[in-house]
C-alpha atoms as a PDB file:
ATOM      1  CA  MET A   1     161.470  85.179 147.920  1.00  0.00           C
ATOM      2  CA  SER A   2     162.540  85.097 151.550  1.00  0.00           C
ATOM      3  CA  PRO A   3     163.193  88.549 153.078  1.00  0.00           C
ATOM      4  CA  ALA A   4     165.792  86.926 155.281  1.00  0.00           C
ATOM      5  CA  ASP A   5     167.854  85.633 152.392  1.00  0.00           C
ATOM      6  CA  MET A   6     170.970  87.725 153.008  1.00  0.00           C
ATOM      7  CA  ASP A   7     173.000  85.850 150.379  1.00  0.00           C
ATOM      8  CA  SER A   8     171.112  87.778 147.664  1.00  0.00           C
ATOM      9  CA  PRO A   9     171.850  91.457 147.061  1.00  0.00           C
ATOM     10  CA  ALA A  10     169.290  93.880 148.436  1.00  0.00           C
ATOM     11  CA  ILE A  11     166.534  95.148 146.134  1.00  0.00           C
ATOM     12  CA  ARG A  12     167.588  98.704 145.267  1.00  0.00           C
ATOM     13  CA  VAL A  13     164.560 101.012 145.281  1.00  0.00           C
ATOM     14  CA  LEU A  14     164.041 104.544 143.981  1.00  0.00           C
ATOM     15  CA  VAL A  15     161.149 106.346 145.722  1.00  0.00           C
ATOM     16  CA  VAL A  16     159.352 109.078 143.750  1.00  0.00           C
ATOM     17  CA  ASP A  17     156.767 111.295 145.479  1.00  0.00           C
ATOM     18  CA  ASP A  18     156.319 115.038 145.810  1.00  0.00           C
ATOM     19  CA  HIS A  19     155.471 114.856 149.537  1.00  0.00           C
ATOM     20  CA  ALA A  20     158.474 114.621 151.859  1.00  0.00           C
ATOM     21  CA  ILE A  21     156.506 112.960 154.666  1.00  0.00           C
ATOM     22  CA  VAL A  22     155.334 110.227 152.298  1.00  0.00           C
ATOM     23  CA  ARG A  23     158.858 109.648 150.969  1.00  0.00           C
ATOM     24  CA  ASP A  24     160.236 109.479 154.504  1.00  0.00           C
ATOM     25  CA  GLY A  25     157.609 106.946 155.570  1.00  0.00           C
ATOM     26  CA  ILE A  26     158.098 104.723 152.526  1.00  0.00           C
ATOM     27  CA  SER A  27     161.880 104.853 152.794  1.00  0.00           C
ATOM     28  CA  ALA A  28     161.799 103.998 156.511  1.00  0.00           C
ATOM     29  CA  LEU A  29     159.493 101.037 155.859  1.00  0.00           C
ATOM     30  CA  LEU A  30     161.577  99.624 153.011  1.00  0.00           C
ATOM     31  CA  ASN A  31     164.920 100.180 154.701  1.00  0.00           C
ATOM     32  CA  ARG A  32     163.701  98.110 157.641  1.00  0.00           C
ATOM     33  CA  GLN A  33     163.405  95.095 155.323  1.00  0.00           C
ATOM     34  CA  ALA A  34     166.459  92.834 155.301  1.00  0.00           C
ATOM     35  CA  ASP A  35     166.315  92.491 151.517  1.00  0.00           C
ATOM     36  CA  MET A  36     165.668  96.119 150.505  1.00  0.00           C
ATOM     37  CA  GLN A  37     167.584  99.376 150.269  1.00  0.00           C
ATOM     38  CA  VAL A  38     166.283 102.784 149.220  1.00  0.00           C
ATOM     39  CA  VAL A  39     169.023 104.204 147.019  1.00  0.00           C
ATOM     40  CA  GLY A  40     167.378 107.487 146.081  1.00  0.00           C
ATOM     41  CA  GLU A  41     164.379 109.782 146.460  1.00  0.00           C
ATOM     42  CA  ALA A  42     162.903 112.068 143.789  1.00  0.00           C
ATOM     43  CA  THR A  43     160.227 114.756 144.126  1.00  0.00           C
ATOM     44  CA  ASN A  44     158.841 114.742 140.573  1.00  0.00           C
ATOM     45  CA  GLY A  45     158.983 112.947 137.248  1.00  0.00           C
ATOM     46  CA  ALA A  46     161.930 114.908 135.864  1.00  0.00           C
ATOM     47  CA  GLU A  47     164.034 114.096 138.928  1.00  0.00           C
ATOM     48  CA  ALA A  48     162.905 110.469 138.728  1.00  0.00           C
ATOM     49  CA  ILE A  49     164.158 110.155 135.150  1.00  0.00           C
ATOM     50  CA  ALA A  50     167.511 111.745 136.012  1.00  0.00           C
ATOM     51  CA  MET A  51     167.978 109.614 139.135  1.00  0.00           C
ATOM     52  CA  PHE A  52     166.998 106.445 137.279  1.00  0.00           C
ATOM     53  CA  ARG A  53     169.749 107.142 134.743  1.00  0.00           C
ATOM     54  CA  GLN A  54     172.229 107.700 137.564  1.00  0.00           C
ATOM     55  CA  LEU A  55     171.251 104.900 139.947  1.00  0.00           C
ATOM     56  CA  CYS A  56     169.706 102.156 137.781  1.00  0.00           C
ATOM     57  CA  PRO A  57     167.465 100.919 140.627  1.00  0.00           C
ATOM     58  CA  ASP A  58     165.920  97.461 140.626  1.00  0.00           C
ATOM     59  CA  VAL A  59     162.442  98.838 141.383  1.00  0.00           C
ATOM     60  CA  THR A  60     161.068 102.369 141.080  1.00  0.00           C
ATOM     61  CA  LEU A  61     158.107 103.378 143.245  1.00  0.00           C
ATOM     62  CA  MET A  62     156.269 106.098 141.327  1.00  0.00           C
ATOM     63  CA  ASP A  63     153.513 108.504 142.340  1.00  0.00           C
ATOM     64  CA  VAL A  64     151.127 109.594 139.551  1.00  0.00           C
ATOM     65  CA  GLN A  65     150.183 113.210 140.253  1.00  0.00           C
ATOM     66  CA  MET A  66     153.245 115.416 140.700  1.00  0.00           C
ATOM     67  CA  PRO A  67     154.151 118.965 139.621  1.00  0.00           C
ATOM     68  CA  GLY A  68     155.946 119.329 136.296  1.00  0.00           C
ATOM     69  CA  VAL A  69     156.547 115.949 134.699  1.00  0.00           C
ATOM     70  CA  GLY A  70     153.911 113.556 136.036  1.00  0.00           C
ATOM     71  CA  GLY A  71     154.253 109.913 136.913  1.00  0.00           C
ATOM     72  CA  VAL A  72     152.817 108.434 133.721  1.00  0.00           C
ATOM     73  CA  GLU A  73     155.129 110.529 131.559  1.00  0.00           C
ATOM     74  CA  ALA A  74     158.094 109.559 133.730  1.00  0.00           C
ATOM     75  CA  ILE A  75     157.186 105.871 133.508  1.00  0.00           C
ATOM     76  CA  ALA A  76     157.073 106.033 129.720  1.00  0.00           C
ATOM     77  CA  GLU A  77     160.440 107.810 129.514  1.00  0.00           C
ATOM     78  CA  ILE A  78     162.138 105.455 131.964  1.00  0.00           C
ATOM     79  CA  ARG A  79     160.860 102.465 130.023  1.00  0.00           C
ATOM     80  CA  ARG A  80     162.183 104.081 126.843  1.00  0.00           C
ATOM     81  CA  ILE A  81     165.595 104.409 128.513  1.00  0.00           C
ATOM     82  CA  ALA A  82     165.517 100.866 129.912  1.00  0.00           C
ATOM     83  CA  ALA A  83     162.895  98.447 128.578  1.00  0.00           C
ATOM     84  CA  HIS A  84     163.565  96.119 131.537  1.00  0.00           C
ATOM     85  CA  ALA A  85     162.817  98.809 134.159  1.00  0.00           C
ATOM     86  CA  ARG A  86     160.436  97.616 136.859  1.00  0.00           C
ATOM     87  CA  ILE A  87     158.117 100.376 138.023  1.00  0.00           C
ATOM     88  CA  LEU A  88     155.404 100.159 140.663  1.00  0.00           C
ATOM     89  CA  VAL A  89     152.837 102.946 140.986  1.00  0.00           C
ATOM     90  CA  LEU A  90     151.960 104.025 144.532  1.00  0.00           C
ATOM     91  CA  THR A  91     149.265 106.684 144.544  1.00  0.00           C
ATOM     92  CA  THR A  92     146.146 108.076 146.191  1.00  0.00           C
ATOM     93  CA  TYR A  93     144.327 108.109 142.829  1.00  0.00           C
ATOM     94  CA  PRO A  94     142.065 105.070 142.322  1.00  0.00           C
ATOM     95  CA  GLY A  95     140.191 104.093 139.179  1.00  0.00           C
ATOM     96  CA  ASP A  96     140.728 101.638 136.363  1.00  0.00           C
ATOM     97  CA  ALA A  97     141.365 104.422 133.826  1.00  0.00           C
ATOM     98  CA  ASN A  98     144.273 105.762 135.877  1.00  0.00           C
ATOM     99  CA  ALA A  99     145.689 102.259 136.229  1.00  0.00           C
ATOM    100  CA  VAL A 100     145.343 101.516 132.517  1.00  0.00           C
ATOM    101  CA  ARG A 101     147.247 104.695 131.613  1.00  0.00           C
ATOM    102  CA  ALA A 102     150.073 103.713 133.960  1.00  0.00           C
ATOM    103  CA  LEU A 103     150.161 100.127 132.682  1.00  0.00           C
ATOM    104  CA  ARG A 104     150.222 101.251 129.058  1.00  0.00           C
ATOM    105  CA  ALA A 105     153.155 103.515 129.906  1.00  0.00           C
ATOM    106  CA  GLY A 106     155.022 100.507 131.290  1.00  0.00           C
ATOM    107  CA  ALA A 107     154.181 100.145 134.984  1.00  0.00           C
ATOM    108  CA  ALA A 108     154.237  96.624 136.425  1.00  0.00           C
ATOM    109  CA  GLY A 109     151.729  97.305 139.176  1.00  0.00           C
ATOM    110  CA  TYR A 110     149.398  99.839 140.764  1.00  0.00           C
ATOM    111  CA  LEU A 111     148.964 100.265 144.526  1.00  0.00           C
ATOM    112  CA  LEU A 112     146.920 102.711 146.571  1.00  0.00           C
ATOM    113  CA  LYS A 113     148.553 104.529 149.463  1.00  0.00           C
ATOM    114  CA  ASN A 114     145.737 103.577 151.815  1.00  0.00           C
ATOM    115  CA  GLY A 115     146.786  99.918 151.578  1.00  0.00           C
ATOM    116  CA  ILE A 116     148.488  98.046 154.380  1.00  0.00           C
ATOM    117  CA  ARG A 117     152.255  98.269 154.680  1.00  0.00           C
ATOM    118  CA  SER A 118     152.825  94.570 154.095  1.00  0.00           C
ATOM    119  CA  GLU A 119     151.070  94.932 150.724  1.00  0.00           C
ATOM    120  CA  LEU A 120     153.680  97.454 149.590  1.00  0.00           C
ATOM    121  CA  VAL A 121     156.601  95.338 150.755  1.00  0.00           C
ATOM    122  CA  ASP A 122     155.217  92.223 149.080  1.00  0.00           C
ATOM    123  CA  ALA A 123     154.507  94.169 145.896  1.00  0.00           C
ATOM    124  CA  VAL A 124     158.094  95.430 145.656  1.00  0.00           C
ATOM    125  CA  ARG A 125     159.342  91.847 145.915  1.00  0.00           C
ATOM    126  CA  SER A 126     156.821  90.645 143.327  1.00  0.00           C
ATOM    127  CA  VAL A 127     157.670  93.350 140.802  1.00  0.00           C
ATOM    128  CA  HIS A 128     161.384  92.749 141.348  1.00  0.00           C
ATOM    129  CA  VAL A 129     161.064  89.131 140.198  1.00  0.00           C
ATOM    130  CA  GLY A 130     158.947  90.030 137.175  1.00  0.00           C
ATOM    131  CA  ARG A 131     155.409  89.635 138.492  1.00  0.00           C
ATOM    132  CA  ARG A 132     152.629  92.211 138.566  1.00  0.00           C
ATOM    133  CA  ALA A 133     151.077  93.678 141.698  1.00  0.00           C
ATOM    134  CA  PHE A 134     147.764  95.462 142.231  1.00  0.00           C
ATOM    135  CA  SER A 135     145.727  96.698 145.163  1.00  0.00           C
ATOM    136  CA  ALA A 136     142.566  94.613 145.530  1.00  0.00           C
ATOM    137  CA  ASP A 137     140.339  97.571 144.630  1.00  0.00           C
ATOM    138  CA  ILE A 138     142.328  98.256 141.469  1.00  0.00           C
ATOM    139  CA  ALA A 139     142.339  94.604 140.421  1.00  0.00           C
ATOM    140  CA  HIS A 140     138.568  94.488 140.890  1.00  0.00           C
ATOM    141  CA  ALA A 141     138.046  97.697 138.891  1.00  0.00           C
ATOM    142  CA  LEU A 142     140.258  96.447 136.052  1.00  0.00           C
ATOM    143  CA  ALA A 143     138.377  93.141 135.913  1.00  0.00           C
ATOM    144  CA  THR A 144     134.969  94.837 136.097  1.00  0.00           C
ATOM    145  CA  HIS A 145     135.671  97.215 133.215  1.00  0.00           C
ATOM    146  CA  ALA A 146     137.984  95.033 131.133  1.00  0.00           C
ATOM    147  CA  LEU A 147     135.465  94.709 128.291  1.00  0.00           C
ATOM    148  CA  ASP A 148     134.130  98.272 128.478  1.00  0.00           C
ATOM    149  CA  GLU A 149     134.756 100.615 125.567  1.00  0.00           C
ATOM    150  CA  ALA A 150     137.161 103.302 126.745  1.00  0.00           C
ATOM    151  CA  LEU A 151     136.405 106.994 126.457  1.00  0.00           C
ATOM    152  CA  THR A 152     138.290 108.852 123.750  1.00  0.00           C
ATOM    153  CA  GLN A 153     140.429 111.903 124.491  1.00  0.00           C
ATOM    154  CA  ARG A 154     137.753 114.161 122.948  1.00  0.00           C
ATOM    155  CA  GLU A 155     135.071 112.574 125.134  1.00  0.00           C
ATOM    156  CA  ILE A 156     137.232 113.057 128.219  1.00  0.00           C
ATOM    157  CA  GLU A 157     137.798 116.689 127.226  1.00  0.00           C
ATOM    158  CA  ILE A 158     134.045 117.205 126.951  1.00  0.00           C
ATOM    159  CA  LEU A 159     133.488 115.594 130.350  1.00  0.00           C
ATOM    160  CA  ARG A 160     136.075 117.909 131.913  1.00  0.00           C
ATOM    161  CA  LEU A 161     134.127 120.884 130.558  1.00  0.00           C
ATOM    162  CA  VAL A 162     130.854 119.401 131.832  1.00  0.00           C
ATOM    163  CA  ALA A 163     132.469 118.979 135.254  1.00  0.00           C
ATOM    164  CA  ASP A 164     133.487 122.641 135.050  1.00  0.00           C
ATOM    165  CA  GLY A 165     129.780 123.523 134.854  1.00  0.00           C
ATOM    166  CA  ARG A 166     129.659 124.533 131.192  1.00  0.00           C
ATOM    167  CA  ALA A 167     126.490 124.202 129.127  1.00  0.00           C
ATOM    168  CA  ASN A 168     126.427 122.465 125.757  1.00  0.00           C
ATOM    169  CA  LYS A 169     126.612 125.783 123.873  1.00  0.00           C
ATOM    170  CA  GLN A 170     129.665 126.860 125.882  1.00  0.00           C
ATOM    171  CA  ILE A 171     131.360 123.498 125.295  1.00  0.00           C
ATOM    172  CA  ALA A 172     130.612 123.700 121.587  1.00  0.00           C
ATOM    173  CA  ASP A 173     132.056 127.215 121.361  1.00  0.00           C
ATOM    174  CA  HIS A 174     135.146 126.217 123.333  1.00  0.00           C
ATOM    175  CA  LEU A 175     135.846 123.208 121.103  1.00  0.00           C
ATOM    176  CA  ASP A 176     134.721 124.902 117.886  1.00  0.00           C
ATOM    177  CA  LEU A 177     132.044 122.263 117.321  1.00  0.00           C
ATOM    178  CA  SER A 178     128.286 122.381 116.817  1.00  0.00           C
ATOM    179  CA  VAL A 179     125.855 121.964 119.705  1.00  0.00           C
ATOM    180  CA  GLU A 180     124.426 118.921 117.936  1.00  0.00           C
ATOM    181  CA  THR A 181     127.880 117.336 117.855  1.00  0.00           C
ATOM    182  CA  ILE A 182     128.275 117.903 121.597  1.00  0.00           C
ATOM    183  CA  LYS A 183     124.861 116.359 122.249  1.00  0.00           C
ATOM    184  CA  ALA A 184     125.811 113.322 120.163  1.00  0.00           C
ATOM    185  CA  GLN A 185     129.137 112.997 121.971  1.00  0.00           C
ATOM    186  CA  LEU A 186     127.401 113.182 125.355  1.00  0.00           C
ATOM    187  CA  LYS A 187     124.975 110.470 124.284  1.00  0.00           C
ATOM    188  CA  THR A 188     127.935 108.230 123.411  1.00  0.00           C
ATOM    189  CA  ILE A 189     129.640 109.065 126.718  1.00  0.00           C
ATOM    190  CA  PHE A 190     126.489 108.190 128.672  1.00  0.00           C
ATOM    191  CA  SER A 191     126.241 104.867 126.820  1.00  0.00           C
ATOM    192  CA  LYS A 192     129.887 103.959 127.485  1.00  0.00           C
ATOM    193  CA  LEU A 193     129.607 104.800 131.176  1.00  0.00           C
ATOM    194  CA  GLY A 194     126.149 103.289 131.613  1.00  0.00           C
ATOM    195  CA  VAL A 195     124.573 106.492 132.956  1.00  0.00           C
ATOM    196  CA  HIS A 196     121.668 108.700 131.923  1.00  0.00           C
ATOM    197  CA  ASP A 197     122.644 112.250 132.858  1.00  0.00           C
ATOM    198  CA  ARG A 198     125.549 114.672 133.106  1.00  0.00           C
ATOM    199  CA  THR A 199     125.864 114.550 136.896  1.00  0.00           C
ATOM    200  CA  HIS A 200     126.203 110.768 137.022  1.00  0.00           C
ATOM    201  CA  ALA A 201     128.590 110.844 134.063  1.00  0.00           C
ATOM    202  CA  VAL A 202     130.929 113.247 135.855  1.00  0.00           C
ATOM    203  CA  THR A 203     130.675 111.329 139.131  1.00  0.00           C
ATOM    204  CA  LEU A 204     131.458 107.968 137.545  1.00  0.00           C
ATOM    205  CA  ALA A 205     134.195 109.365 135.299  1.00  0.00           C
ATOM    206  CA  ALA A 206     135.895 110.865 138.352  1.00  0.00           C
ATOM    207  CA  ARG A 207     135.563 107.615 140.303  1.00  0.00           C
ATOM    208  CA  ARG A 208     137.101 105.629 137.456  1.00  0.00           C
ATOM    209  CA  GLY A 209     139.943 108.105 137.003  1.00  0.00           C
ATOM    210  CA  TYR A 210     139.032 109.587 133.640  1.00  0.00           C
ATOM    211  CA  ILE A 211     138.829 113.105 135.049  1.00  0.00           C
ATOM    212  CA  ASP A 212     139.856 114.959 138.168  1.00  0.00           C
ATOM    213  CA  PRO A 213     136.910 117.221 139.070  1.00  0.00           C
ATOM    214  CA  PHE A 214     139.118 119.237 141.421  1.00  0.00           C
ATOM    215  CA  ALA A 215     141.868 119.968 138.870  1.00  0.00           C
END
């Protein structure tokens, strides 16, 4: 698609991010494109859903981590409202697990904010015409772990408690399980992640986006 094709209507974009400086920068970049127009800005998922209903944008740029209703929840609700909605994630959070959650919710692409500006502009155009768009790092992570067995919600919950510094007995008490069950779960987690100890499990799980160790 040629950005100079003025015979076609501009791509109407809704920008969703809880940081005003980020929204301002994205909006300025997109509004400088001959074929794009930012029609609205939202600060969280709840606002994004309401503004999508009101504006019916062609493309929604969605952050993942926001106060209140998060990006993944907002993506799922917007896609429930309009199955054709085209949503592109733009976030600081890398990792194939994060990307998979967004894609399962209905996102058409996943970009990292540290990417070059032209990547964002090209991605908006790609998503608008029905293609997918990914940052190179995300595409590589998705390809690398495509055949891996995903962690279950219980396993992720256990890893969060491990990251919080809790011993097996404390985790077992918290989850109302036996210590032996926790040990067995950790063994399965280590196998899935390809690690041999708790520290490496937490490090890799954080890198892949299963957990946020700073939450």
